[in-house]
């Protein structure tokens, strides 16, 4: 009922539902999985952004003038 179509693992839905009910009462049946889904979405966006920054810094480092001078004799 709660986990259908959310693409969250079953154990996350179970734990967040039980935790939500213990914290918020009957409303936690929805609030718990909602908070878990928001957390997982934010974590995914953060990881994607970190990966993109890491890749762009590697490209910038490879194209820097100091890097070209250092690698000039090796290419």
PDB file of N, CA and C in Angstrom:
ATOM      1  N   UNK A   1       0.823  -1.193   0.000  1.00  0.00           N
ATOM      2  CA  UNK A   1       0.000   0.000   0.000  1.00  0.00           C
ATOM      3  C   UNK A   1       0.871   1.263   0.000  1.00  0.00           C
ATOM      4  N   UNK A   2       1.777   1.377   0.956  1.00  0.00           N
ATOM      5  CA  UNK A   2       2.623   2.563   1.017  1.00  0.00           C
ATOM      6  C   UNK A   2       3.774   2.458   0.029  1.00  0.00           C
ATOM      7  N   UNK A   3       4.358   1.271  -0.125  1.00  0.00           N
ATOM      8  CA  UNK A   3       5.571   1.115  -0.911  1.00  0.00           C
ATOM      9  C   UNK A   3       5.363   0.926  -2.406  1.00  0.00           C
ATOM     10  N   UNK A   4       4.140   0.861  -2.863  1.00  0.00           N
ATOM     11  CA  UNK A   4       3.890   0.620  -4.276  1.00  0.00           C
ATOM     12  C   UNK A   4       4.268   1.844  -5.098  1.00  0.00           C
ATOM     13  N   UNK A   5       5.131   1.624  -6.110  1.00  0.00           N
ATOM     14  CA  UNK A   5       5.492   2.689  -7.024  1.00  0.00           C
ATOM     15  C   UNK A   5       6.521   3.667  -6.498  1.00  0.00           C
ATOM     16  N   UNK A   6       7.074   3.417  -5.322  1.00  0.00           N
ATOM     17  CA  UNK A   6       8.043   4.361  -4.762  1.00  0.00           C
ATOM     18  C   UNK A   6       9.479   4.018  -5.134  1.00  0.00           C
ATOM     19  N   UNK A   7       9.708   2.830  -5.623  1.00  0.00           N
ATOM     20  CA  UNK A   7      11.038   2.340  -5.960  1.00  0.00           C
ATOM     21  C   UNK A   7      11.981   2.362  -4.753  1.00  0.00           C
ATOM     22  N   UNK A   8      11.412   2.227  -3.559  1.00  0.00           N
ATOM     23  CA  UNK A   8      12.207   2.092  -2.341  1.00  0.00           C
ATOM     24  C   UNK A   8      12.291   0.609  -1.998  1.00  0.00           C
ATOM     25  N   UNK A   9      13.430   0.175  -1.480  1.00  0.00           N
ATOM     26  CA  UNK A   9      13.512  -1.229  -1.048  1.00  0.00           C
ATOM     27  C   UNK A   9      12.473  -1.520   0.043  1.00  0.00           C
ATOM     28  N   UNK A  10      12.023  -2.754   0.083  1.00  0.00           N
ATOM     29  CA  UNK A  10      10.974  -3.137   1.032  1.00  0.00           C
ATOM     30  C   UNK A  10      11.398  -2.901   2.481  1.00  0.00           C
ATOM     31  N   UNK A  11      12.663  -3.186   2.788  1.00  0.00           N
ATOM     32  CA  UNK A  11      13.110  -3.024   4.172  1.00  0.00           C
ATOM     33  C   UNK A  11      13.115  -1.546   4.577  1.00  0.00           C
ATOM     34  N   UNK A  12      13.368  -0.626   3.643  1.00  0.00           N
ATOM     35  CA  UNK A  12      13.323   0.807   3.962  1.00  0.00           C
ATOM     36  C   UNK A  12      11.884   1.229   4.237  1.00  0.00           C
ATOM     37  N   UNK A  13      10.967   0.730   3.451  1.00  0.00           N
ATOM     38  CA  UNK A  13       9.547   1.046   3.669  1.00  0.00           C
ATOM     39  C   UNK A  13       9.098   0.512   5.020  1.00  0.00           C
ATOM     40  N   UNK A  14       9.497  -0.710   5.358  1.00  0.00           N
ATOM     41  CA  UNK A  14       9.103  -1.312   6.633  1.00  0.00           C
ATOM     42  C   UNK A  14       9.670  -0.526   7.808  1.00  0.00           C
ATOM     43  N   UNK A  15      10.959  -0.264   7.784  1.00  0.00           N
ATOM     44  CA  UNK A  15      11.595   0.441   8.900  1.00  0.00           C
ATOM     45  C   UNK A  15      11.060   1.863   9.035  1.00  0.00           C
ATOM     46  N   UNK A  16      10.907   2.556   7.904  1.00  0.00           N
ATOM     47  CA  UNK A  16      10.409   3.936   7.982  1.00  0.00           C
ATOM     48  C   UNK A  16       8.947   3.982   8.422  1.00  0.00           C
ATOM     49  N   UNK A  17       8.164   2.994   8.056  1.00  0.00           N
ATOM     50  CA  UNK A  17       6.768   2.952   8.489  1.00  0.00           C
ATOM     51  C   UNK A  17       6.671   2.701   9.997  1.00  0.00           C
ATOM     52  N   UNK A  18       7.432   1.728  10.485  1.00  0.00           N
ATOM     53  CA  UNK A  18       7.418   1.430  11.921  1.00  0.00           C
ATOM     54  C   UNK A  18       7.949   2.623  12.714  1.00  0.00           C
ATOM     55  N   UNK A  19       9.045   3.221  12.236  1.00  0.00           N
ATOM     56  CA  UNK A  19       9.592   4.393  12.915  1.00  0.00           C
ATOM     57  C   UNK A  19       8.641   5.569  12.877  1.00  0.00           C
ATOM     58  N   UNK A  20       7.988   5.770  11.737  1.00  0.00           N
ATOM     59  CA  UNK A  20       7.026   6.865  11.618  1.00  0.00           C
ATOM     60  C   UNK A  20       5.837   6.687  12.537  1.00  0.00           C
ATOM     61  N   UNK A  21       5.350   5.460  12.640  1.00  0.00           N
ATOM     62  CA  UNK A  21       4.211   5.202  13.526  1.00  0.00           C
ATOM     63  C   UNK A  21       4.607   5.409  14.982  1.00  0.00           C
ATOM     64  N   UNK A  22       5.831   4.998  15.336  1.00  0.00           N
ATOM     65  CA  UNK A  22       6.257   5.173  16.727  1.00  0.00           C
ATOM     66  C   UNK A  22       6.468   6.643  17.076  1.00  0.00           C
ATOM     67  N   UNK A  23       6.872   7.456  16.094  1.00  0.00           N
ATOM     68  CA  UNK A  23       7.104   8.877  16.366  1.00  0.00           C
ATOM     69  C   UNK A  23       5.852   9.737  16.194  1.00  0.00           C
ATOM     70  N   UNK A  24       5.075   9.479  15.147  1.00  0.00           N
ATOM     71  CA  UNK A  24       3.965  10.368  14.793  1.00  0.00           C
ATOM     72  C   UNK A  24       2.589   9.741  14.973  1.00  0.00           C
ATOM     73  N   UNK A  25       2.518   8.530  15.460  1.00  0.00           N
ATOM     74  CA  UNK A  25       1.221   7.861  15.597  1.00  0.00           C
ATOM     75  C   UNK A  25       0.750   7.359  14.243  1.00  0.00           C
ATOM     76  N   UNK A  26      -0.551   7.342  14.065  1.00  0.00           N
ATOM     77  CA  UNK A  26      -1.124   6.801  12.830  1.00  0.00           C
ATOM     78  C   UNK A  26      -0.709   7.611  11.606  1.00  0.00           C
ATOM     79  N   UNK A  27      -0.443   8.900  11.769  1.00  0.00           N
ATOM     80  CA  UNK A  27       0.015   9.716  10.652  1.00  0.00           C
ATOM     81  C   UNK A  27       1.400   9.281  10.174  1.00  0.00           C
ATOM     82  N   UNK A  28       2.154   8.651  11.037  1.00  0.00           N
ATOM     83  CA  UNK A  28       3.486   8.168  10.681  1.00  0.00           C
ATOM     84  C   UNK A  28       3.477   7.086   9.623  1.00  0.00           C
ATOM     85  N   UNK A  29       2.307   6.505   9.387  1.00  0.00           N
ATOM     86  CA  UNK A  29       2.159   5.502   8.328  1.00  0.00           C
ATOM     87  C   UNK A  29       2.522   6.092   6.975  1.00  0.00           C
ATOM     88  N   UNK A  30       2.271   7.380   6.804  1.00  0.00           N
ATOM     89  CA  UNK A  30       2.609   8.086   5.569  1.00  0.00           C
ATOM     90  C   UNK A  30       3.856   8.949   5.760  1.00  0.00           C
ATOM     91  N   UNK A  31       3.970   9.615   6.896  1.00  0.00           N
ATOM     92  CA  UNK A  31       5.074  10.550   7.129  1.00  0.00           C
ATOM     93  C   UNK A  31       6.423   9.840   7.171  1.00  0.00           C
ATOM     94  N   UNK A  32       6.502   8.678   7.780  1.00  0.00           N
ATOM     95  CA  UNK A  32       7.767   7.938   7.875  1.00  0.00           C
ATOM     96  C   UNK A  32       8.363   7.596   6.517  1.00  0.00           C
ATOM     97  N   UNK A  33       7.626   6.908   5.651  1.00  0.00           N
ATOM     98  CA  UNK A  33       8.148   6.623   4.314  1.00  0.00           C
ATOM     99  C   UNK A  33       8.395   7.880   3.478  1.00  0.00           C
ATOM    100  N   UNK A  34       7.593   8.928   3.699  1.00  0.00           N
ATOM    101  CA  UNK A  34       7.811  10.187   2.977  1.00  0.00           C
ATOM    102  C   UNK A  34       9.161  10.798   3.355  1.00  0.00           C
ATOM    103  N   UNK A  35       9.476  10.822   4.624  1.00  0.00           N
ATOM    104  CA  UNK A  35      10.765  11.342   5.073  1.00  0.00           C
ATOM    105  C   UNK A  35      11.902  10.481   4.533  1.00  0.00           C
ATOM    106  N   UNK A  36      11.728   9.170   4.537  1.00  0.00           N
ATOM    107  CA  UNK A  36      12.760   8.274   4.006  1.00  0.00           C
ATOM    108  C   UNK A  36      12.975   8.506   2.513  1.00  0.00           C
ATOM    109  N   UNK A  37      11.907   8.675   1.766  1.00  0.00           N
ATOM    110  CA  UNK A  37      12.025   8.912   0.326  1.00  0.00           C
ATOM    111  C   UNK A  37      12.715  10.242   0.040  1.00  0.00           C
ATOM    112  N   UNK A  38      12.379  11.276   0.808  1.00  0.00           N
ATOM    113  CA  UNK A  38      13.033  12.574   0.632  1.00  0.00           C
ATOM    114  C   UNK A  38      14.522  12.488   0.961  1.00  0.00           C
ATOM    115  N   UNK A  39      14.863  11.751   2.015  1.00  0.00           N
ATOM    116  CA  UNK A  39      16.263  11.588   2.381  1.00  0.00           C
ATOM    117  C   UNK A  39      17.033  10.861   1.289  1.00  0.00           C
ATOM    118  N   UNK A  40      16.479   9.788   0.763  1.00  0.00           N
ATOM    119  CA  UNK A  40      17.160   9.019  -0.284  1.00  0.00           C
ATOM    120  C   UNK A  40      17.297   9.852  -1.554  1.00  0.00           C
ATOM    121  N   UNK A  41      16.284  10.639  -1.897  1.00  0.00           N
ATOM    122  CA  UNK A  41      16.370  11.495  -3.074  1.00  0.00           C
ATOM    123  C   UNK A  41      17.446  12.564  -2.896  1.00  0.00           C
ATOM    124  N   UNK A  42      17.499  13.181  -1.727  1.00  0.00           N
ATOM    125  CA  UNK A  42      18.518  14.208  -1.464  1.00  0.00           C
ATOM    126  C   UNK A  42      19.913  13.593  -1.489  1.00  0.00           C
ATOM    127  N   UNK A  43      20.051  12.398  -0.922  1.00  0.00           N
ATOM    128  CA  UNK A  43      21.348  11.714  -0.911  1.00  0.00           C
ATOM    129  C   UNK A  43      21.797  11.389  -2.342  1.00  0.00           C
ATOM    130  N   UNK A  44      20.877  10.956  -3.179  1.00  0.00           N
ATOM    131  CA  UNK A  44      21.205  10.646  -4.574  1.00  0.00           C
ATOM    132  C   UNK A  44      21.641  11.894  -5.329  1.00  0.00           C
ATOM    133  N   UNK A  45      20.948  12.999  -5.121  1.00  0.00           N
ATOM    134  CA  UNK A  45      21.322  14.256  -5.769  1.00  0.00           C
ATOM    135  C   UNK A  45      22.701  14.720  -5.301  1.00  0.00           C
ATOM    136  N   UNK A  46      22.967  14.592  -4.009  1.00  0.00           N
ATOM    137  CA  UNK A  46      24.256  14.988  -3.464  1.00  0.00           C
ATOM    138  C   UNK A  46      25.378  14.131  -4.056  1.00  0.00           C
ATOM    139  N   UNK A  47      25.169  12.826  -4.117  1.00  0.00           N
ATOM    140  CA  UNK A  47      26.186  11.926  -4.667  1.00  0.00           C
ATOM    141  C   UNK A  47      26.423  12.209  -6.149  1.00  0.00           C
ATOM    142  N   UNK A  48      25.368  12.489  -6.884  1.00  0.00           N
ATOM    143  CA  UNK A  48      25.495  12.806  -8.311  1.00  0.00           C
ATOM    144  C   UNK A  48      26.269  14.109  -8.511  1.00  0.00           C
ATOM    145  N   UNK A  49      25.997  15.097  -7.680  1.00  0.00           N
ATOM    146  CA  UNK A  49      26.689  16.378  -7.775  1.00  0.00           C
ATOM    147  C   UNK A  49      28.171  16.213  -7.429  1.00  0.00           C
ATOM    148  N   UNK A  50      28.470  15.441  -6.398  1.00  0.00           N
ATOM    149  CA  UNK A  50      29.860  15.211  -6.012  1.00  0.00           C
ATOM    150  C   UNK A  50      30.613  14.499  -7.129  1.00  0.00           C
ATOM    151  N   UNK A  51      29.970  13.532  -7.775  1.00  0.00           N
ATOM    152  CA  UNK A  51      30.589  12.790  -8.867  1.00  0.00           C
ATOM    153  C   UNK A  51      30.873  13.710 -10.046  1.00  0.00           C
ATOM    154  N   UNK A  52      29.925  14.587 -10.364  1.00  0.00           N
ATOM    155  CA  UNK A  52      30.109  15.513 -11.478  1.00  0.00           C
ATOM    156  C   UNK A  52      31.232  16.504 -11.181  1.00  0.00           C
ATOM    157  N   UNK A  53      31.314  16.999  -9.950  1.00  0.00           N
ATOM    158  CA  UNK A  53      32.382  17.928  -9.584  1.00  0.00           C
ATOM    159  C   UNK A  53      33.739  17.239  -9.636  1.00  0.00           C
ATOM    160  N   UNK A  54      33.779  15.984  -9.215  1.00  0.00           N
ATOM    161  CA  UNK A  54      35.023  15.218  -9.236  1.00  0.00           C
ATOM    162  C   UNK A  54      35.511  15.023 -10.672  1.00  0.00           C
ATOM    163  N   UNK A  55      34.593  14.695 -11.567  1.00  0.00           N
ATOM    164  CA  UNK A  55      34.967  14.487 -12.959  1.00  0.00           C
ATOM    165  C   UNK A  55      35.402  15.785 -13.615  1.00  0.00           C
ATOM    166  N   UNK A  56      34.720  16.892 -13.313  1.00  0.00           N
ATOM    167  CA  UNK A  56      35.100  18.159 -13.921  1.00  0.00           C
ATOM    168  C   UNK A  56      36.429  18.657 -13.391  1.00  0.00           C
ATOM    169  N   UNK A  57      36.741  18.372 -12.131  1.00  0.00           N
ATOM    170  CA  UNK A  57      38.031  18.799 -11.596  1.00  0.00           C
ATOM    171  C   UNK A  57      39.164  17.993 -12.229  1.00  0.00           C
ATOM    172  N   UNK A  58      38.922  16.726 -12.553  1.00  0.00           N
ATOM    173  CA  UNK A  58      39.942  15.928 -13.237  1.00  0.00           C
ATOM    174  C   UNK A  58      40.209  16.478 -14.628  1.00  0.00           C
ATOM    175  N   UNK A  59      39.154  16.871 -15.329  1.00  0.00           N
ATOM    176  CA  UNK A  59      39.311  17.429 -16.670  1.00  0.00           C
ATOM    177  C   UNK A  59      40.064  18.747 -16.596  1.00  0.00           C
ATOM    178  N   UNK A  60      39.719  19.588 -15.625  1.00  0.00           N
ATOM    179  CA  UNK A  60      40.408  20.862 -15.472  1.00  0.00           C
ATOM    180  C   UNK A  60      41.873  20.654 -15.117  1.00  0.00           C
ATOM    181  N   UNK A  61      42.162  19.676 -14.253  1.00  0.00           N
ATOM    182  CA  UNK A  61      43.541  19.401 -13.875  1.00  0.00           C
ATOM    183  C   UNK A  61      44.353  18.915 -15.072  1.00  0.00           C
ATOM    184  N   UNK A  62      43.751  18.100 -15.924  1.00  0.00           N
ATOM    185  CA  UNK A  62      44.467  17.573 -17.089  1.00  0.00           C
ATOM    186  C   UNK A  62      44.749  18.664 -18.114  1.00  0.00           C
ATOM    187  N   UNK A  63      43.914  19.690 -18.163  1.00  0.00           N
ATOM    188  CA  UNK A  63      44.079  20.747 -19.151  1.00  0.00           C
ATOM    189  C   UNK A  63      44.806  21.971 -18.612  1.00  0.00           C
ATOM    190  N   UNK A  64      45.265  21.920 -17.373  1.00  0.00           N
ATOM    191  CA  UNK A  64      45.947  23.082 -16.807  1.00  0.00           C
ATOM    192  C   UNK A  64      47.328  23.228 -17.441  1.00  0.00           C
ATOM    193  N   UNK A  65      47.852  24.452 -17.523  1.00  0.00           N
ATOM    194  CA  UNK A  65      49.172  24.676 -18.131  1.00  0.00           C
ATOM    195  C   UNK A  65      50.282  23.915 -17.420  1.00  0.00           C
ATOM    196  N   UNK A  66      50.219  23.820 -16.104  1.00  0.00           N
ATOM    197  CA  UNK A  66      51.249  23.083 -15.363  1.00  0.00           C
ATOM    198  C   UNK A  66      51.222  21.604 -15.721  1.00  0.00           C
ATOM    199  N   UNK A  67      50.043  21.058 -15.896  1.00  0.00           N
ATOM    200  CA  UNK A  67      49.919  19.659 -16.254  1.00  0.00           C
ATOM    201  C   UNK A  67      50.461  19.411 -17.662  1.00  0.00           C
ATOM    202  N   UNK A  68      50.216  20.340 -18.578  1.00  0.00           N
ATOM    203  CA  UNK A  68      50.724  20.176 -19.942  1.00  0.00           C
ATOM    204  C   UNK A  68      52.248  20.239 -19.966  1.00  0.00           C
ATOM    205  N   UNK A  69      52.828  21.131 -19.180  1.00  0.00           N
ATOM    206  CA  UNK A  69      54.293  21.219 -19.128  1.00  0.00           C
ATOM    207  C   UNK A  69      54.886  19.956 -18.540  1.00  0.00           C
ATOM    208  N   UNK A  70      54.246  19.417 -17.511  1.00  0.00           N
ATOM    209  CA  UNK A  70      54.762  18.230 -16.844  1.00  0.00           C
ATOM    210  C   UNK A  70      54.667  16.996 -17.744  1.00  0.00           C
ATOM    211  N   UNK A  71      53.577  16.878 -18.470  1.00  0.00           N
ATOM    212  CA  UNK A  71      53.347  15.711 -19.326  1.00  0.00           C
ATOM    213  C   UNK A  71      53.881  15.901 -20.745  1.00  0.00           C
ATOM    214  N   UNK A  72      54.477  17.028 -21.057  1.00  0.00           N
ATOM    215  CA  UNK A  72      54.894  17.349 -22.402  1.00  0.00           C
ATOM    216  C   UNK A  72      55.887  16.311 -22.949  1.00  0.00           C
ATOM    217  N   UNK A  73      56.835  15.911 -22.144  1.00  0.00           N
ATOM    218  CA  UNK A  73      57.822  14.952 -22.606  1.00  0.00           C
ATOM    219  C   UNK A  73      57.306  13.519 -22.657  1.00  0.00           C
ATOM    220  N   UNK A  74      56.184  13.233 -22.031  1.00  0.00           N
ATOM    221  CA  UNK A  74      55.660  11.859 -21.949  1.00  0.00           C
ATOM    222  C   UNK A  74      54.632  11.559 -23.028  1.00  0.00           C
ATOM    223  N   UNK A  75      54.134  12.549 -23.685  1.00  0.00           N
ATOM    224  CA  UNK A  75      53.096  12.289 -24.675  1.00  0.00           C
ATOM    225  C   UNK A  75      53.678  11.996 -26.037  1.00  0.00           C
TER     226      UNK A  75
END
